[in-house]
Amino acid sequence: MPRAKVDDRGRISIPASLRRELGLDDEGELVVEREGSKLILRKVAVEVPTVNSRGGWKKKPVVTASEALGGP
């Protein structure tokens, strides 16, 4: 299991192998949640503008955070 350390400024370095698996780049954004003594990091869904059935613009997530983490 990969490990990470927290530096003196509170930053956590995510191992490169996990960043590649999740498709996180230098500008990647995560949601941080706490469940008891656990920290849960979830990838923020990327939104791409698309055209809806009436010809207007809407945003549609390319992948949801739970899908990125293998959830439902």
N, C-alpha and C. Protein backbone atom coordinates (compact mmCIF):
# COMPACT_ATOMS: atom_id res chain seq x y z
N MET A 1 0.85 -1.18 0.00
CA MET A 1 0.00 0.00 0.00
C MET A 1 0.90 1.24 0.00
N PRO A 2 0.69 2.16 -0.96
CA PRO A 2 1.49 3.38 -1.01
C PRO A 2 1.27 4.24 0.24
N ARG A 3 2.34 4.94 0.66
CA ARG A 3 2.26 5.83 1.81
C ARG A 3 2.58 7.25 1.37
N ALA A 4 2.09 8.21 2.12
CA ALA A 4 2.37 9.62 1.85
C ALA A 4 2.70 10.31 3.17
N LYS A 5 3.52 11.34 3.08
CA LYS A 5 3.85 12.13 4.27
C LYS A 5 3.26 13.53 4.13
N VAL A 6 2.96 14.12 5.27
CA VAL A 6 2.48 15.50 5.31
C VAL A 6 3.69 16.37 5.62
N ASP A 7 3.93 17.41 4.79
CA ASP A 7 5.08 18.28 5.03
C ASP A 7 4.73 19.37 6.04
N ASP A 8 5.69 20.24 6.34
CA ASP A 8 5.50 21.27 7.36
C ASP A 8 4.46 22.32 6.99
N ARG A 9 4.04 22.35 5.72
CA ARG A 9 2.99 23.29 5.29
C ARG A 9 1.63 22.60 5.14
N GLY A 10 1.54 21.31 5.53
CA GLY A 10 0.28 20.58 5.47
C GLY A 10 -0.01 19.93 4.14
N ARG A 11 0.96 19.92 3.23
CA ARG A 11 0.76 19.34 1.91
C ARG A 11 1.03 17.84 1.94
N ILE A 12 0.25 17.12 1.14
CA ILE A 12 0.41 15.67 1.01
C ILE A 12 0.82 15.39 -0.42
N SER A 13 1.86 14.60 -0.58
CA SER A 13 2.31 14.21 -1.91
C SER A 13 1.67 12.86 -2.27
N ILE A 14 0.90 12.83 -3.34
CA ILE A 14 0.24 11.60 -3.78
C ILE A 14 1.21 10.85 -4.69
N PRO A 15 1.46 9.57 -4.43
CA PRO A 15 2.40 8.81 -5.26
C PRO A 15 2.03 8.88 -6.74
N ALA A 16 3.06 8.97 -7.60
CA ALA A 16 2.87 9.12 -9.05
C ALA A 16 2.02 8.01 -9.63
N SER A 17 2.18 6.78 -9.15
CA SER A 17 1.40 5.66 -9.70
C SER A 17 -0.10 5.87 -9.48
N LEU A 18 -0.47 6.39 -8.32
CA LEU A 18 -1.89 6.65 -8.04
C LEU A 18 -2.40 7.84 -8.85
N ARG A 19 -1.56 8.88 -9.01
CA ARG A 19 -1.97 10.02 -9.84
C ARG A 19 -2.23 9.58 -11.27
N ARG A 20 -1.37 8.73 -11.81
CA ARG A 20 -1.57 8.23 -13.18
C ARG A 20 -2.86 7.41 -13.28
N GLU A 21 -3.11 6.52 -12.33
CA GLU A 21 -4.32 5.69 -12.35
C GLU A 21 -5.59 6.54 -12.33
N LEU A 22 -5.56 7.64 -11.58
CA LEU A 22 -6.75 8.50 -11.46
C LEU A 22 -6.79 9.60 -12.50
N GLY A 23 -5.72 9.74 -13.29
CA GLY A 23 -5.69 10.78 -14.30
C GLY A 23 -5.55 12.17 -13.71
N LEU A 24 -4.87 12.28 -12.56
CA LEU A 24 -4.64 13.59 -11.94
C LEU A 24 -3.39 14.21 -12.54
N ASP A 25 -3.52 15.47 -12.97
CA ASP A 25 -2.35 16.17 -13.48
C ASP A 25 -1.98 17.27 -12.49
N ASP A 26 -1.08 18.16 -12.90
CA ASP A 26 -0.61 19.22 -12.01
C ASP A 26 -1.74 20.14 -11.56
N GLU A 27 -2.80 20.24 -12.33
CA GLU A 27 -3.92 21.12 -11.99
C GLU A 27 -5.11 20.34 -11.43
N GLY A 28 -4.91 19.06 -11.11
CA GLY A 28 -6.00 18.22 -10.60
C GLY A 28 -6.57 18.76 -9.30
N GLU A 29 -7.86 18.55 -9.11
CA GLU A 29 -8.54 19.03 -7.91
C GLU A 29 -9.21 17.86 -7.21
N LEU A 30 -9.10 17.84 -5.89
CA LEU A 30 -9.68 16.78 -5.07
C LEU A 30 -10.62 17.38 -4.03
N VAL A 31 -11.65 16.62 -3.67
CA VAL A 31 -12.52 16.96 -2.56
C VAL A 31 -11.98 16.19 -1.36
N VAL A 32 -11.86 16.85 -0.21
CA VAL A 32 -11.35 16.20 1.00
C VAL A 32 -12.51 16.05 1.98
N GLU A 33 -12.73 14.81 2.43
CA GLU A 33 -13.79 14.53 3.40
C GLU A 33 -13.19 13.79 4.58
N ARG A 34 -13.80 13.93 5.72
CA ARG A 34 -13.35 13.23 6.91
C ARG A 34 -14.42 12.24 7.34
N GLU A 35 -13.99 11.01 7.60
CA GLU A 35 -14.88 9.97 8.16
C GLU A 35 -14.17 9.40 9.38
N GLY A 36 -14.50 9.91 10.54
CA GLY A 36 -13.81 9.49 11.76
C GLY A 36 -12.35 9.87 11.69
N SER A 37 -11.46 8.88 11.77
CA SER A 37 -10.03 9.15 11.72
C SER A 37 -9.47 9.03 10.30
N LYS A 38 -10.35 8.87 9.30
CA LYS A 38 -9.92 8.73 7.91
C LYS A 38 -10.12 10.02 7.13
N LEU A 39 -9.20 10.30 6.21
CA LEU A 39 -9.39 11.37 5.24
C LEU A 39 -9.69 10.69 3.91
N ILE A 40 -10.76 11.11 3.26
CA ILE A 40 -11.16 10.56 1.97
C ILE A 40 -10.90 11.63 0.91
N LEU A 41 -10.11 11.29 -0.11
CA LEU A 41 -9.84 12.20 -1.21
C LEU A 41 -10.60 11.72 -2.42
N ARG A 42 -11.38 12.59 -3.03
CA ARG A 42 -12.15 12.23 -4.22
C ARG A 42 -11.82 13.20 -5.35
N LYS A 43 -11.63 12.64 -6.54
CA LYS A 43 -11.34 13.44 -7.71
C LYS A 43 -12.59 14.23 -8.09
N VAL A 44 -12.42 15.51 -8.36
CA VAL A 44 -13.53 16.37 -8.79
C VAL A 44 -13.85 16.03 -10.24
N ALA A 45 -15.13 15.89 -10.55
CA ALA A 45 -15.55 15.56 -11.90
C ALA A 45 -15.19 16.70 -12.86
N VAL A 46 -14.68 16.34 -14.01
CA VAL A 46 -14.36 17.32 -15.04
C VAL A 46 -15.62 17.56 -15.85
N GLU A 47 -15.94 18.81 -16.12
CA GLU A 47 -17.14 19.12 -16.89
C GLU A 47 -16.76 19.65 -18.26
N VAL A 48 -17.44 19.14 -19.27
CA VAL A 48 -17.22 19.56 -20.65
C VAL A 48 -18.53 20.10 -21.18
N PRO A 49 -18.54 21.30 -21.77
CA PRO A 49 -19.80 21.83 -22.31
C PRO A 49 -20.29 20.98 -23.48
N THR A 50 -21.56 20.70 -23.51
CA THR A 50 -22.18 19.96 -24.61
C THR A 50 -23.47 20.67 -25.02
N VAL A 51 -24.03 20.28 -26.14
CA VAL A 51 -25.28 20.87 -26.63
C VAL A 51 -26.43 19.98 -26.19
N ASN A 52 -27.48 20.59 -25.59
CA ASN A 52 -28.63 19.79 -25.18
C ASN A 52 -29.60 19.63 -26.35
N SER A 53 -30.70 18.93 -26.13
CA SER A 53 -31.65 18.62 -27.21
C SER A 53 -32.31 19.86 -27.82
N ARG A 54 -32.31 20.99 -27.10
CA ARG A 54 -32.91 22.22 -27.62
C ARG A 54 -31.85 23.12 -28.27
N GLY A 55 -30.63 22.65 -28.40
CA GLY A 55 -29.58 23.43 -29.03
C GLY A 55 -28.84 24.36 -28.09
N GLY A 56 -29.17 24.32 -26.80
CA GLY A 56 -28.48 25.17 -25.82
C GLY A 56 -27.28 24.44 -25.23
N TRP A 57 -26.44 25.19 -24.57
CA TRP A 57 -25.26 24.61 -23.95
C TRP A 57 -25.57 24.10 -22.56
N LYS A 58 -25.00 22.99 -22.22
CA LYS A 58 -25.08 22.44 -20.87
C LYS A 58 -23.73 21.82 -20.54
N LYS A 59 -23.50 21.58 -19.27
CA LYS A 59 -22.26 20.94 -18.86
C LYS A 59 -22.55 19.51 -18.45
N LYS A 60 -21.70 18.61 -18.88
CA LYS A 60 -21.87 17.20 -18.56
C LYS A 60 -20.56 16.67 -18.01
N PRO A 61 -20.58 16.01 -16.84
CA PRO A 61 -19.33 15.47 -16.30
C PRO A 61 -18.78 14.35 -17.19
N VAL A 62 -17.48 14.38 -17.44
CA VAL A 62 -16.83 13.33 -18.20
C VAL A 62 -16.75 12.08 -17.34
N VAL A 63 -16.37 12.26 -16.09
CA VAL A 63 -16.32 11.16 -15.14
C VAL A 63 -16.64 11.73 -13.76
N THR A 64 -17.47 11.00 -13.02
CA THR A 64 -17.79 11.45 -11.66
C THR A 64 -16.69 11.00 -10.72
N ALA A 65 -16.63 11.62 -9.56
CA ALA A 65 -15.61 11.25 -8.58
C ALA A 65 -15.73 9.78 -8.19
N SER A 66 -16.95 9.29 -7.98
CA SER A 66 -17.12 7.89 -7.58
C SER A 66 -16.70 6.94 -8.71
N GLU A 67 -16.96 7.30 -9.96
CA GLU A 67 -16.53 6.47 -11.07
C GLU A 67 -15.00 6.42 -11.16
N ALA A 68 -14.36 7.57 -10.91
CA ALA A 68 -12.89 7.63 -10.94
C ALA A 68 -12.28 6.73 -9.87
N LEU A 69 -13.00 6.56 -8.77
CA LEU A 69 -12.51 5.74 -7.67
C LEU A 69 -13.06 4.33 -7.71
N GLY A 70 -13.76 3.97 -8.80
CA GLY A 70 -14.26 2.62 -8.97
C GLY A 70 -15.58 2.34 -8.25
N GLY A 71 -16.28 3.39 -7.83
CA GLY A 71 -17.56 3.20 -7.14
C GLY A 71 -18.71 3.16 -8.12
N PRO A 72 -19.95 3.11 -7.61
CA PRO A 72 -21.14 3.03 -8.47
C PRO A 72 -21.37 4.30 -9.27
